[in-house]
C-alpha cells in the first residue's frame, strides 16, 4: 500500500465508510506481530540475535530481518526458529480471519501471539 492508497483509506474511514484493509496492510501487520514476538522471546531467553541464529542454524541477518518485519518466512524457517527459541509453534487458519501464529514457551507454558491475532502473552 503506497501513501496515496493509505491516505484514501484513512479519509474514507474518517467519513464513516468501512474500508477493508488491503492484503499488503494485513501482511505488514502479521510480519510486525511475528517480529515483535520473536524479539520478545529472544530477549526473555537472554539471547543476542547472533546466539539465536546459531541455535537455529541461520545467519544473524535472518533473525534481524524477521524482527524488523522485512520478510515472509517459510514454515521450515519458523520451525527452526521456534526450536531455537525453546518454543512450540502453532499455526491456525480461520476462515475469514486469516492466519494466526503462536510461539508457546516450553519453560512456562506462556503463549505469545503473532500474525493476525492481537499481540498477547499470558502466563
PDB file of N, CA and C in Angstrom:
ATOM      1  N   UNK A   1       0.851  -1.161   0.000  1.00  0.00           N
ATOM      2  CA  UNK A   1       0.000   0.000   0.000  1.00  0.00           C
ATOM      3  C   UNK A   1       0.900   1.228   0.000  1.00  0.00           C
ATOM      4  N   UNK A   2       0.714   2.076  -1.003  1.00  0.00           N
ATOM      5  CA  UNK A   2       1.505   3.304  -1.040  1.00  0.00           C
ATOM      6  C   UNK A   2       0.809   4.395  -0.217  1.00  0.00           C
ATOM      7  N   UNK A   3       1.463   5.529  -0.088  1.00  0.00           N
ATOM      8  CA  UNK A   3       0.938   6.592   0.763  1.00  0.00           C
ATOM      9  C   UNK A   3      -0.424   7.095   0.268  1.00  0.00           C
ATOM     10  N   UNK A   4      -0.581   7.234  -1.031  1.00  0.00           N
ATOM     11  CA  UNK A   4      -1.853   7.727  -1.571  1.00  0.00           C
ATOM     12  C   UNK A   4      -2.995   6.767  -1.245  1.00  0.00           C
ATOM     13  N   UNK A   5      -2.736   5.467  -1.351  1.00  0.00           N
ATOM     14  CA  UNK A   5      -3.764   4.476  -1.023  1.00  0.00           C
ATOM     15  C   UNK A   5      -4.107   4.531   0.466  1.00  0.00           C
ATOM     16  N   UNK A   6      -3.077   4.665   1.289  1.00  0.00           N
ATOM     17  CA  UNK A   6      -3.301   4.744   2.728  1.00  0.00           C
ATOM     18  C   UNK A   6      -4.133   5.981   3.068  1.00  0.00           C
ATOM     19  N   UNK A   7      -3.779   7.116   2.443  1.00  0.00           N
ATOM     20  CA  UNK A   7      -4.486   8.370   2.716  1.00  0.00           C
ATOM     21  C   UNK A   7      -5.952   8.270   2.285  1.00  0.00           C
ATOM     22  N   UNK A   8      -6.215   7.665   1.136  1.00  0.00           N
ATOM     23  CA  UNK A   8      -7.588   7.481   0.663  1.00  0.00           C
ATOM     24  C   UNK A   8      -8.365   6.598   1.634  1.00  0.00           C
ATOM     25  N   UNK A   9      -7.745   5.529   2.082  1.00  0.00           N
ATOM     26  CA  UNK A   9      -8.380   4.616   3.031  1.00  0.00           C
ATOM     27  C   UNK A   9      -8.695   5.342   4.333  1.00  0.00           C
ATOM     28  N   UNK A  10      -7.736   6.112   4.813  1.00  0.00           N
ATOM     29  CA  UNK A  10      -7.916   6.857   6.057  1.00  0.00           C
ATOM     30  C   UNK A  10      -9.046   7.876   5.923  1.00  0.00           C
ATOM     31  N   UNK A  11      -9.100   8.579   4.796  1.00  0.00           N
ATOM     32  CA  UNK A  11     -10.154   9.570   4.566  1.00  0.00           C
ATOM     33  C   UNK A  11     -11.523   8.900   4.571  1.00  0.00           C
ATOM     34  N   UNK A  12     -11.629   7.756   3.926  1.00  0.00           N
ATOM     35  CA  UNK A  12     -12.904   7.028   3.907  1.00  0.00           C
ATOM     36  C   UNK A  12     -13.329   6.645   5.320  1.00  0.00           C
ATOM     37  N   UNK A  13     -12.369   6.210   6.110  1.00  0.00           N
ATOM     38  CA  UNK A  13     -12.687   5.837   7.484  1.00  0.00           C
ATOM     39  C   UNK A  13     -13.153   7.051   8.286  1.00  0.00           C
ATOM     40  N   UNK A  14     -12.537   8.200   8.056  1.00  0.00           N
ATOM     41  CA  UNK A  14     -12.911   9.409   8.782  1.00  0.00           C
ATOM     42  C   UNK A  14     -14.346   9.829   8.464  1.00  0.00           C
ATOM     43  N   UNK A  15     -14.819   9.511   7.246  1.00  0.00           N
ATOM     44  CA  UNK A  15     -16.182   9.847   6.852  1.00  0.00           C
ATOM     45  C   UNK A  15     -17.158   8.719   7.143  1.00  0.00           C
ATOM     46  N   UNK A  16     -16.713   7.746   7.924  1.00  0.00           N
ATOM     47  CA  UNK A  16     -17.602   6.678   8.365  1.00  0.00           C
ATOM     48  C   UNK A  16     -17.758   5.516   7.405  1.00  0.00           C
ATOM     49  N   UNK A  17     -17.042   5.541   6.307  1.00  0.00           N
ATOM     50  CA  UNK A  17     -17.126   4.420   5.376  1.00  0.00           C
ATOM     51  C   UNK A  17     -16.282   3.261   5.901  1.00  0.00           C
ATOM     52  N   UNK A  18     -16.745   2.078   5.672  1.00  0.00           N
ATOM     53  CA  UNK A  18     -15.967   0.913   6.064  1.00  0.00           C
ATOM     54  C   UNK A  18     -14.949   0.639   4.962  1.00  0.00           C
ATOM     55  N   UNK A  19     -13.693   0.668   5.336  1.00  0.00           N
ATOM     56  CA  UNK A  19     -12.612   0.432   4.372  1.00  0.00           C
ATOM     57  C   UNK A  19     -11.876  -0.840   4.792  1.00  0.00           C
ATOM     58  N   UNK A  20     -12.026  -1.871   4.023  1.00  0.00           N
ATOM     59  CA  UNK A  20     -11.345  -3.135   4.313  1.00  0.00           C
ATOM     60  C   UNK A  20      -9.846  -2.956   4.111  1.00  0.00           C
ATOM     61  N   UNK A  21      -9.060  -3.513   5.013  1.00  0.00           N
ATOM     62  CA  UNK A  21      -7.609  -3.409   4.836  1.00  0.00           C
ATOM     63  C   UNK A  21      -7.148  -4.202   3.622  1.00  0.00           C
ATOM     64  N   UNK A  22      -6.157  -3.692   2.942  1.00  0.00           N
ATOM     65  CA  UNK A  22      -5.616  -4.399   1.791  1.00  0.00           C
ATOM     66  C   UNK A  22      -4.809  -5.594   2.277  1.00  0.00           C
ATOM     67  N   UNK A  23      -4.536  -6.515   1.390  1.00  0.00           N
ATOM     68  CA  UNK A  23      -3.732  -7.684   1.737  1.00  0.00           C
ATOM     69  C   UNK A  23      -2.334  -7.267   2.175  1.00  0.00           C
ATOM     70  N   UNK A  24      -1.769  -6.249   1.533  1.00  0.00           N
ATOM     71  CA  UNK A  24      -0.439  -5.766   1.899  1.00  0.00           C
ATOM     72  C   UNK A  24      -0.446  -5.208   3.322  1.00  0.00           C
ATOM     73  N   UNK A  25      -1.506  -4.495   3.682  1.00  0.00           N
ATOM     74  CA  UNK A  25      -1.644  -3.928   5.018  1.00  0.00           C
ATOM     75  C   UNK A  25      -1.742  -5.049   6.054  1.00  0.00           C
ATOM     76  N   UNK A  26      -2.536  -6.060   5.761  1.00  0.00           N
ATOM     77  CA  UNK A  26      -2.693  -7.211   6.651  1.00  0.00           C
ATOM     78  C   UNK A  26      -1.379  -7.957   6.796  1.00  0.00           C
ATOM     79  N   UNK A  27      -0.685  -8.180   5.679  1.00  0.00           N
ATOM     80  CA  UNK A  27       0.600  -8.885   5.716  1.00  0.00           C
ATOM     81  C   UNK A  27       1.631  -8.119   6.551  1.00  0.00           C
ATOM     82  N   UNK A  28       1.634  -6.798   6.416  1.00  0.00           N
ATOM     83  CA  UNK A  28       2.575  -5.983   7.183  1.00  0.00           C
ATOM     84  C   UNK A  28       2.289  -6.110   8.677  1.00  0.00           C
ATOM     85  N   UNK A  29       1.032  -6.114   9.042  1.00  0.00           N
ATOM     86  CA  UNK A  29       0.661  -6.286  10.448  1.00  0.00           C
ATOM     87  C   UNK A  29       1.081  -7.644  10.983  1.00  0.00           C
ATOM     88  N   UNK A  30       0.902  -8.678  10.159  1.00  0.00           N
ATOM     89  CA  UNK A  30       1.317 -10.029  10.548  1.00  0.00           C
ATOM     90  C   UNK A  30       2.829 -10.077  10.770  1.00  0.00           C
ATOM     91  N   UNK A  31       3.570  -9.490   9.856  1.00  0.00           N
ATOM     92  CA  UNK A  31       5.033  -9.505   9.946  1.00  0.00           C
ATOM     93  C   UNK A  31       5.506  -8.742  11.179  1.00  0.00           C
ATOM     94  N   UNK A  32       4.851  -7.621  11.487  1.00  0.00           N
ATOM     95  CA  UNK A  32       5.228  -6.844  12.663  1.00  0.00           C
ATOM     96  C   UNK A  32       4.950  -7.611  13.948  1.00  0.00           C
ATOM     97  N   UNK A  33       3.811  -8.283  14.022  1.00  0.00           N
ATOM     98  CA  UNK A  33       3.470  -9.057  15.216  1.00  0.00           C
ATOM     99  C   UNK A  33       4.445 -10.214  15.403  1.00  0.00           C
ATOM    100  N   UNK A  34       4.774 -10.900  14.319  1.00  0.00           N
ATOM    101  CA  UNK A  34       5.730 -12.001  14.398  1.00  0.00           C
ATOM    102  C   UNK A  34       7.092 -11.489  14.834  1.00  0.00           C
ATOM    103  N   UNK A  35       7.556 -10.402  14.230  1.00  0.00           N
ATOM    104  CA  UNK A  35       8.854  -9.836  14.573  1.00  0.00           C
ATOM    105  C   UNK A  35       8.940  -9.449  16.040  1.00  0.00           C
ATOM    106  N   UNK A  36       7.879  -8.837  16.554  1.00  0.00           N
ATOM    107  CA  UNK A  36       7.863  -8.440  17.970  1.00  0.00           C
ATOM    108  C   UNK A  36       7.861  -9.667  18.871  1.00  0.00           C
ATOM    109  N   UNK A  37       7.130 -10.694  18.487  1.00  0.00           N
ATOM    110  CA  UNK A  37       7.074 -11.925  19.274  1.00  0.00           C
ATOM    111  C   UNK A  37       8.440 -12.588  19.332  1.00  0.00           C
ATOM    112  N   UNK A  38       9.116 -12.675  18.197  1.00  0.00           N
ATOM    113  CA  UNK A  38      10.458 -13.268  18.150  1.00  0.00           C
ATOM    114  C   UNK A  38      11.425 -12.447  18.999  1.00  0.00           C
ATOM    115  N   UNK A  39      11.381 -11.135  18.848  1.00  0.00           N
ATOM    116  CA  UNK A  39      12.260 -10.252  19.621  1.00  0.00           C
ATOM    117  C   UNK A  39      12.036 -10.442  21.123  1.00  0.00           C
ATOM    118  N   UNK A  40      10.768 -10.430  21.542  1.00  0.00           N
ATOM    119  CA  UNK A  40      10.452 -10.557  22.962  1.00  0.00           C
ATOM    120  C   UNK A  40      10.928 -11.893  23.531  1.00  0.00           C
ATOM    121  N   UNK A  41      10.685 -12.966  22.788  1.00  0.00           N
ATOM    122  CA  UNK A  41      11.091 -14.297  23.268  1.00  0.00           C
ATOM    123  C   UNK A  41      12.618 -14.402  23.325  1.00  0.00           C
ATOM    124  N   UNK A  42      13.291 -13.876  22.328  1.00  0.00           N
ATOM    125  CA  UNK A  42      14.757 -13.911  22.311  1.00  0.00           C
ATOM    126  C   UNK A  42      15.319 -13.153  23.506  1.00  0.00           C
ATOM    127  N   UNK A  43      14.769 -11.982  23.784  1.00  0.00           N
ATOM    128  CA  UNK A  43      15.222 -11.186  24.928  1.00  0.00           C
ATOM    129  C   UNK A  43      14.917 -11.887  26.246  1.00  0.00           C
ATOM    130  N   UNK A  44      13.749 -12.528  26.317  1.00  0.00           N
ATOM    131  CA  UNK A  44      13.365 -13.266  27.516  1.00  0.00           C
ATOM    132  C   UNK A  44      14.386 -14.363  27.839  1.00  0.00           C
ATOM    133  N   UNK A  45      14.927 -14.977  26.795  1.00  0.00           N
ATOM    134  CA  UNK A  45      15.930 -16.031  26.961  1.00  0.00           C
ATOM    135  C   UNK A  45      17.335 -15.472  27.151  1.00  0.00           C
ATOM    136  N   UNK A  46      17.485 -14.158  27.010  1.00  0.00           N
ATOM    137  CA  UNK A  46      18.794 -13.530  27.162  1.00  0.00           C
ATOM    138  C   UNK A  46      19.727 -13.800  26.001  1.00  0.00           C
ATOM    139  N   UNK A  47      19.156 -13.982  24.824  1.00  0.00           N
ATOM    140  CA  UNK A  47      19.942 -14.297  23.636  1.00  0.00           C
ATOM    141  C   UNK A  47      20.158 -13.066  22.769  1.00  0.00           C
ATOM    142  N   UNK A  48      21.324 -12.974  22.184  1.00  0.00           N
ATOM    143  CA  UNK A  48      21.565 -11.967  21.153  1.00  0.00           C
ATOM    144  C   UNK A  48      20.998 -12.517  19.840  1.00  0.00           C
ATOM    145  N   UNK A  49      20.910 -11.679  18.834  1.00  0.00           N
ATOM    146  CA  UNK A  49      20.468 -12.174  17.524  1.00  0.00           C
ATOM    147  C   UNK A  49      21.437 -13.228  17.017  1.00  0.00           C
ATOM    148  N   UNK A  50      22.717 -13.021  17.246  1.00  0.00           N
ATOM    149  CA  UNK A  50      23.728 -13.977  16.804  1.00  0.00           C
ATOM    150  C   UNK A  50      23.542 -15.319  17.509  1.00  0.00           C
ATOM    151  N   UNK A  51      23.288 -15.291  18.825  1.00  0.00           N
ATOM    152  CA  UNK A  51      23.069 -16.526  19.577  1.00  0.00           C
ATOM    153  C   UNK A  51      21.847 -17.277  19.050  1.00  0.00           C
ATOM    154  N   UNK A  52      20.760 -16.550  18.845  1.00  0.00           N
ATOM    155  CA  UNK A  52      19.535 -17.174  18.335  1.00  0.00           C
ATOM    156  C   UNK A  52      19.780 -17.767  16.952  1.00  0.00           C
ATOM    157  N   UNK A  53      20.501 -17.044  16.122  1.00  0.00           N
ATOM    158  CA  UNK A  53      20.802 -17.524  14.770  1.00  0.00           C
ATOM    159  C   UNK A  53      21.630 -18.807  14.816  1.00  0.00           C
ATOM    160  N   UNK A  54      22.624 -18.848  15.682  1.00  0.00           N
ATOM    161  CA  UNK A  54      23.454 -20.052  15.797  1.00  0.00           C
ATOM    162  C   UNK A  54      22.624 -21.236  16.249  1.00  0.00           C
ATOM    163  N   UNK A  55      21.723 -21.030  17.195  1.00  0.00           N
ATOM    164  CA  UNK A  55      20.851 -22.109  17.665  1.00  0.00           C
ATOM    165  C   UNK A  55      19.954 -22.636  16.551  1.00  0.00           C
ATOM    166  N   UNK A  56      19.552 -21.749  15.649  1.00  0.00           N
ATOM    167  CA  UNK A  56      18.632 -22.121  14.567  1.00  0.00           C
ATOM    168  C   UNK A  56      19.355 -22.491  13.279  1.00  0.00           C
ATOM    169  N   UNK A  57      20.688 -22.522  13.313  1.00  0.00           N
ATOM    170  CA  UNK A  57      21.488 -22.806  12.126  1.00  0.00           C
ATOM    171  C   UNK A  57      21.163 -21.815  11.004  1.00  0.00           C
ATOM    172  N   UNK A  58      21.172 -20.538  11.393  1.00  0.00           N
ATOM    173  CA  UNK A  58      20.891 -19.439  10.476  1.00  0.00           C
ATOM    174  C   UNK A  58      22.001 -18.405  10.619  1.00  0.00           C
ATOM    175  N   UNK A  59      21.868 -17.340   9.862  1.00  0.00           N
ATOM    176  CA  UNK A  59      22.775 -16.207   9.968  1.00  0.00           C
ATOM    177  C   UNK A  59      22.061 -15.103  10.749  1.00  0.00           C
ATOM    178  N   UNK A  60      22.821 -14.284  11.456  1.00  0.00           N
ATOM    179  CA  UNK A  60      22.252 -13.211  12.260  1.00  0.00           C
ATOM    180  C   UNK A  60      21.349 -12.275  11.456  1.00  0.00           C
ATOM    181  N   UNK A  61      21.716 -11.922  10.204  1.00  0.00           N
ATOM    182  CA  UNK A  61      20.815 -11.034   9.448  1.00  0.00           C
ATOM    183  C   UNK A  61      19.412 -11.622   9.212  1.00  0.00           C
ATOM    184  N   UNK A  62      19.305 -12.949   9.199  1.00  0.00           N
ATOM    185  CA  UNK A  62      17.979 -13.556   9.029  1.00  0.00           C
ATOM    186  C   UNK A  62      17.097 -13.269  10.240  1.00  0.00           C
ATOM    187  N   UNK A  63      17.667 -13.334  11.430  1.00  0.00           N
ATOM    188  CA  UNK A  63      16.910 -13.026  12.642  1.00  0.00           C
ATOM    189  C   UNK A  63      16.524 -11.544  12.633  1.00  0.00           C
ATOM    190  N   UNK A  64      17.455 -10.699  12.278  1.00  0.00           N
ATOM    191  CA  UNK A  64      17.197  -9.266  12.207  1.00  0.00           C
ATOM    192  C   UNK A  64      16.072  -8.954  11.224  1.00  0.00           C
ATOM    193  N   UNK A  65      16.094  -9.602  10.088  1.00  0.00           N
ATOM    194  CA  UNK A  65      15.073  -9.376   9.058  1.00  0.00           C
ATOM    195  C   UNK A  65      13.682  -9.743   9.573  1.00  0.00           C
ATOM    196  N   UNK A  66      13.577 -10.843  10.301  1.00  0.00           N
ATOM    197  CA  UNK A  66      12.287 -11.246  10.873  1.00  0.00           C
ATOM    198  C   UNK A  66      11.842 -10.231  11.917  1.00  0.00           C
ATOM    199  N   UNK A  67      12.754  -9.858  12.799  1.00  0.00           N
ATOM    200  CA  UNK A  67      12.396  -8.917  13.863  1.00  0.00           C
ATOM    201  C   UNK A  67      12.016  -7.544  13.322  1.00  0.00           C
ATOM    202  N   UNK A  68      12.555  -7.180  12.177  1.00  0.00           N
ATOM    203  CA  UNK A  68      12.229  -5.890  11.569  1.00  0.00           C
ATOM    204  C   UNK A  68      11.018  -5.970  10.644  1.00  0.00           C
ATOM    205  N   UNK A  69      10.382  -7.128  10.591  1.00  0.00           N
ATOM    206  CA  UNK A  69       9.185  -7.338   9.763  1.00  0.00           C
ATOM    207  C   UNK A  69       9.470  -7.127   8.283  1.00  0.00           C
ATOM    208  N   UNK A  70      10.662  -7.540   7.859  1.00  0.00           N
ATOM    209  CA  UNK A  70      11.056  -7.340   6.465  1.00  0.00           C
ATOM    210  C   UNK A  70      11.047  -8.626   5.650  1.00  0.00           C
ATOM    211  N   UNK A  71      10.440  -9.680   6.173  1.00  0.00           N
ATOM    212  CA  UNK A  71      10.461 -10.954   5.453  1.00  0.00           C
ATOM    213  C   UNK A  71       9.190 -11.740   5.726  1.00  0.00           C
ATOM    214  N   UNK A  72       8.880 -12.636   4.818  1.00  0.00           N
ATOM    215  CA  UNK A  72       7.792 -13.586   5.000  1.00  0.00           C
ATOM    216  C   UNK A  72       8.437 -14.963   5.091  1.00  0.00           C
ATOM    217  N   UNK A  73       8.642 -15.465   6.309  1.00  0.00           N
ATOM    218  CA  UNK A  73       9.383 -16.710   6.484  1.00  0.00           C
ATOM    219  C   UNK A  73       8.597 -17.938   6.037  1.00  0.00           C
ATOM    220  N   UNK A  74       9.344 -18.964   5.682  1.00  0.00           N
ATOM    221  CA  UNK A  74       8.735 -20.243   5.312  1.00  0.00           C
ATOM    222  C   UNK A  74       8.382 -21.010   6.581  1.00  0.00           C
ATOM    223  N   UNK A  75       7.597 -22.047   6.421  1.00  0.00           N
ATOM    224  CA  UNK A  75       7.236 -22.899   7.556  1.00  0.00           C
ATOM    225  C   UNK A  75       8.477 -23.565   8.144  1.00  0.00           C
ATOM    226  N   UNK A  76       9.376 -24.025   7.298  1.00  0.00           N
ATOM    227  CA  UNK A  76      10.610 -24.652   7.782  1.00  0.00           C
ATOM    228  C   UNK A  76      11.429 -23.658   8.600  1.00  0.00           C
ATOM    229  N   UNK A  77      11.501 -22.431   8.149  1.00  0.00           N
ATOM    230  CA  UNK A  77      12.216 -21.374   8.867  1.00  0.00           C
ATOM    231  C   UNK A  77      11.586 -21.162  10.241  1.00  0.00           C
ATOM    232  N   UNK A  78      10.255 -21.082  10.288  1.00  0.00           N
ATOM    233  CA  UNK A  78       9.554 -20.867  11.553  1.00  0.00           C
ATOM    234  C   UNK A  78       9.771 -22.025  12.524  1.00  0.00           C
ATOM    235  N   UNK A  79       9.800 -23.242  12.010  1.00  0.00           N
ATOM    236  CA  UNK A  79      10.062 -24.410  12.871  1.00  0.00           C
ATOM    237  C   UNK A  79      11.441 -24.316  13.509  1.00  0.00           C
ATOM    238  N   UNK A  80      12.452 -24.010  12.710  1.00  0.00           N
ATOM    239  CA  UNK A  80      13.815 -23.888  13.225  1.00  0.00           C
ATOM    240  C   UNK A  80      13.905 -22.758  14.243  1.00  0.00           C
ATOM    241  N   UNK A  81      13.237 -21.668  13.955  1.00  0.00           N
ATOM    242  CA  UNK A  81      13.254 -20.524  14.846  1.00  0.00           C
ATOM    243  C   UNK A  81      12.579 -20.857  16.181  1.00  0.00           C
ATOM    244  N   UNK A  82      11.443 -21.532  16.131  1.00  0.00           N
ATOM    245  CA  UNK A  82      10.744 -21.917  17.357  1.00  0.00           C
ATOM    246  C   UNK A  82      11.619 -22.826  18.212  1.00  0.00           C
ATOM    247  N   UNK A  83      12.280 -23.770  17.596  1.00  0.00           N
ATOM    248  CA  UNK A  83      13.158 -24.673  18.339  1.00  0.00           C
ATOM    249  C   UNK A  83      14.298 -23.891  18.990  1.00  0.00           C
ATOM    250  N   UNK A  84      14.888 -22.972  18.255  1.00  0.00           N
ATOM    251  CA  UNK A  84      15.987 -22.161  18.777  1.00  0.00           C
ATOM    252  C   UNK A  84      15.538 -21.285  19.940  1.00  0.00           C
ATOM    253  N   UNK A  85      14.268 -20.875  19.920  1.00  0.00           N
ATOM    254  CA  UNK A  85      13.734 -20.012  20.972  1.00  0.00           C
ATOM    255  C   UNK A  85      13.035 -20.822  22.071  1.00  0.00           C
ATOM    256  N   UNK A  86      13.291 -22.125  22.070  1.00  0.00           N
ATOM    257  CA  UNK A  86      12.712 -23.014  23.079  1.00  0.00           C
ATOM    258  C   UNK A  86      11.209 -22.811  23.173  1.00  0.00           C
ATOM    259  N   UNK A  87      10.573 -22.885  22.019  1.00  0.00           N
ATOM    260  CA  UNK A  87       9.135 -22.651  21.947  1.00  0.00           C
ATOM    261  C   UNK A  87       8.494 -23.673  21.023  1.00  0.00           C
ATOM    262  N   UNK A  88       7.193 -23.816  21.184  1.00  0.00           N
ATOM    263  CA  UNK A  88       6.408 -24.664  20.301  1.00  0.00           C
ATOM    264  C   UNK A  88       5.622 -23.731  19.391  1.00  0.00           C
ATOM    265  N   UNK A  89       5.599 -24.029  18.119  1.00  0.00           N
ATOM    266  CA  UNK A  89       4.923 -23.208  17.121  1.00  0.00           C
ATOM    267  C   UNK A  89       3.554 -23.799  16.825  1.00  0.00           C
ATOM    268  N   UNK A  90       2.533 -22.972  16.849  1.00  0.00           N
ATOM    269  CA  UNK A  90       1.221 -23.429  16.392  1.00  0.00           C
ATOM    270  C   UNK A  90       0.700 -22.426  15.381  1.00  0.00           C
ATOM    271  N   UNK A  91       0.045 -22.946  14.374  1.00  0.00           N
ATOM    272  CA  UNK A  91      -0.495 -22.126  13.295  1.00  0.00           C
ATOM    273  C   UNK A  91      -1.962 -22.477  13.125  1.00  0.00           C
ATOM    274  N   UNK A  92      -2.821 -21.479  13.175  1.00  0.00           N
ATOM    275  CA  UNK A  92      -4.257 -21.672  12.992  1.00  0.00           C
ATOM    276  C   UNK A  92      -4.713 -20.888  11.777  1.00  0.00           C
ATOM    277  N   UNK A  93      -5.530 -21.514  10.955  1.00  0.00           N
ATOM    278  CA  UNK A  93      -6.144 -20.830   9.825  1.00  0.00           C
ATOM    279  C   UNK A  93      -7.635 -20.709  10.121  1.00  0.00           C
ATOM    280  N   UNK A  94      -8.134 -19.486  10.111  1.00  0.00           N
ATOM    281  CA  UNK A  94      -9.544 -19.256  10.372  1.00  0.00           C
ATOM    282  C   UNK A  94     -10.187 -18.646   9.138  1.00  0.00           C
ATOM    283  N   UNK A  95     -11.243 -19.258   8.678  1.00  0.00           N
ATOM    284  CA  UNK A  95     -11.959 -18.760   7.517  1.00  0.00           C
ATOM    285  C   UNK A  95     -12.425 -17.329   7.776  1.00  0.00           C
ATOM    286  N   UNK A  96     -12.040 -16.441   6.899  1.00  0.00           N
ATOM    287  CA  UNK A  96     -12.437 -15.049   7.001  1.00  0.00           C
ATOM    288  C   UNK A  96     -11.614 -14.221   7.981  1.00  0.00           C
ATOM    289  N   UNK A  97     -10.767 -14.876   8.778  1.00  0.00           N
ATOM    290  CA  UNK A  97      -9.975 -14.140   9.762  1.00  0.00           C
ATOM    291  C   UNK A  97      -8.489 -14.250   9.493  1.00  0.00           C
ATOM    292  N   UNK A  98      -8.093 -15.180   8.661  1.00  0.00           N
ATOM    293  CA  UNK A  98      -6.690 -15.271   8.289  1.00  0.00           C
ATOM    294  C   UNK A  98      -5.880 -16.236   9.126  1.00  0.00           C
ATOM    295  N   UNK A  99      -4.608 -15.954   9.154  1.00  0.00           N
ATOM    296  CA  UNK A  99      -3.600 -16.809   9.760  1.00  0.00           C
ATOM    297  C   UNK A  99      -3.219 -16.296  11.143  1.00  0.00           C
ATOM    298  N   UNK A 100      -3.086 -17.207  12.090  1.00  0.00           N
ATOM    299  CA  UNK A 100      -2.649 -16.854  13.437  1.00  0.00           C
ATOM    300  C   UNK A 100      -1.455 -17.732  13.790  1.00  0.00           C
ATOM    301  N   UNK A 101      -0.355 -17.113  14.174  1.00  0.00           N
ATOM    302  CA  UNK A 101       0.846 -17.821  14.601  1.00  0.00           C
ATOM    303  C   UNK A 101       1.021 -17.615  16.087  1.00  0.00           C
ATOM    304  N   UNK A 102       1.445 -18.663  16.774  1.00  0.00           N
ATOM    305  CA  UNK A 102       1.742 -18.540  18.195  1.00  0.00           C
ATOM    306  C   UNK A 102       3.031 -19.295  18.504  1.00  0.00           C
ATOM    307  N   UNK A 103       3.853 -18.662  19.331  1.00  0.00           N
ATOM    308  CA  UNK A 103       5.015 -19.330  19.902  1.00  0.00           C
ATOM    309  C   UNK A 103       4.677 -19.601  21.355  1.00  0.00           C
ATOM    310  N   UNK A 104       4.696 -20.860  21.746  1.00  0.00           N
ATOM    311  CA  UNK A 104       4.400 -21.246  23.119  1.00  0.00           C
ATOM    312  C   UNK A 104       5.713 -21.568  23.816  1.00  0.00           C
ATOM    313  N   UNK A 105       6.010 -20.826  24.857  1.00  0.00           N
ATOM    314  CA  UNK A 105       7.222 -21.044  25.619  1.00  0.00           C
ATOM    315  C   UNK A 105       7.200 -22.441  26.223  1.00  0.00           C
ATOM    316  N   UNK A 106       8.286 -23.175  26.084  1.00  0.00           N
ATOM    317  CA  UNK A 106       8.351 -24.518  26.640  1.00  0.00           C
ATOM    318  C   UNK A 106       8.646 -24.501  28.132  1.00  0.00           C
ATOM    319  N   UNK A 107       9.194 -23.406  28.642  1.00  0.00           N
ATOM    320  CA  UNK A 107       9.577 -23.381  30.048  1.00  0.00           C
ATOM    321  C   UNK A 107       8.457 -22.975  30.995  1.00  0.00           C
ATOM    322  N   UNK A 108       7.492 -22.169  30.518  1.00  0.00           N
ATOM    323  CA  UNK A 108       6.425 -21.731  31.418  1.00  0.00           C
ATOM    324  C   UNK A 108       5.034 -21.877  30.820  1.00  0.00           C
ATOM    325  N   UNK A 109       4.916 -22.504  29.668  1.00  0.00           N
ATOM    326  CA  UNK A 109       3.611 -22.640  29.050  1.00  0.00           C
ATOM    327  C   UNK A 109       3.027 -21.328  28.555  1.00  0.00           C
ATOM    328  N   UNK A 110       3.853 -20.309  28.442  1.00  0.00           N
ATOM    329  CA  UNK A 110       3.400 -18.988  28.019  1.00  0.00           C
ATOM    330  C   UNK A 110       3.170 -18.986  26.515  1.00  0.00           C
ATOM    331  N   UNK A 111       2.101 -18.351  26.085  1.00  0.00           N
ATOM    332  CA  UNK A 111       1.823 -18.230  24.657  1.00  0.00           C
ATOM    333  C   UNK A 111       1.946 -16.781  24.236  1.00  0.00           C
ATOM    334  N   UNK A 112       2.700 -16.526  23.194  1.00  0.00           N
ATOM    335  CA  UNK A 112       2.833 -15.184  22.640  1.00  0.00           C
ATOM    336  C   UNK A 112       2.295 -15.221  21.226  1.00  0.00           C
ATOM    337  N   UNK A 113       1.331 -14.386  20.951  1.00  0.00           N
ATOM    338  CA  UNK A 113       0.680 -14.406  19.648  1.00  0.00           C
ATOM    339  C   UNK A 113       1.443 -13.586  18.638  1.00  0.00           C
ATOM    340  N   UNK A 114       1.445 -14.060  17.414  1.00  0.00           N
ATOM    341  CA  UNK A 114       1.956 -13.311  16.286  1.00  0.00           C
ATOM    342  C   UNK A 114       0.939 -13.438  15.171  1.00  0.00           C
ATOM    343  N   UNK A 115       1.119 -12.764  14.090  1.00  0.00           N
ATOM    344  CA  UNK A 115       0.175 -12.879  12.985  1.00  0.00           C
ATOM    345  C   UNK A 115      -1.041 -11.999  13.208  1.00  0.00           C
ATOM    346  N   UNK A 116      -2.183 -12.379  12.645  1.00  0.00           N
ATOM    347  CA  UNK A 116      -3.387 -11.566  12.727  1.00  0.00           C
ATOM    348  C   UNK A 116      -3.917 -11.429  14.145  1.00  0.00           C
ATOM    349  N   UNK A 117      -3.597 -12.376  14.995  1.00  0.00           N
ATOM    350  CA  UNK A 117      -4.087 -12.310  16.365  1.00  0.00           C
ATOM    351  C   UNK A 117      -3.498 -11.082  17.045  1.00  0.00           C
ATOM    352  N   UNK A 118      -4.268 -10.492  17.933  1.00  0.00           N
ATOM    353  CA  UNK A 118      -3.717  -9.379  18.701  1.00  0.00           C
ATOM    354  C   UNK A 118      -2.575  -9.888  19.546  1.00  0.00           C
ATOM    355  N   UNK A 119      -1.577  -9.092  19.703  1.00  0.00           N
ATOM    356  CA  UNK A 119      -0.403  -9.473  20.473  1.00  0.00           C
ATOM    357  C   UNK A 119      -0.795  -9.748  21.908  1.00  0.00           C
ATOM    358  N   UNK A 120      -0.481 -10.943  22.393  1.00  0.00           N
ATOM    359  CA  UNK A 120      -0.782 -11.254  23.776  1.00  0.00           C
ATOM    360  C   UNK A 120       0.201 -12.283  24.302  1.00  0.00           C
ATOM    361  N   UNK A 121       0.588 -12.113  25.535  1.00  0.00           N
ATOM    362  CA  UNK A 121       1.414 -13.083  26.232  1.00  0.00           C
ATOM    363  C   UNK A 121       0.782 -13.289  27.590  1.00  0.00           C
ATOM    364  N   UNK A 122       0.366 -14.498  27.854  1.00  0.00           N
ATOM    365  CA  UNK A 122      -0.266 -14.789  29.150  1.00  0.00           C
ATOM    366  C   UNK A 122       0.409 -15.983  29.776  1.00  0.00           C
ATOM    367  N   UNK A 123       0.720 -15.869  31.041  1.00  0.00           N
ATOM    368  CA  UNK A 123       1.370 -16.974  31.749  1.00  0.00           C
ATOM    369  C   UNK A 123       0.372 -18.062  32.037  1.00  0.00           C
TER     370      UNK A 123
END
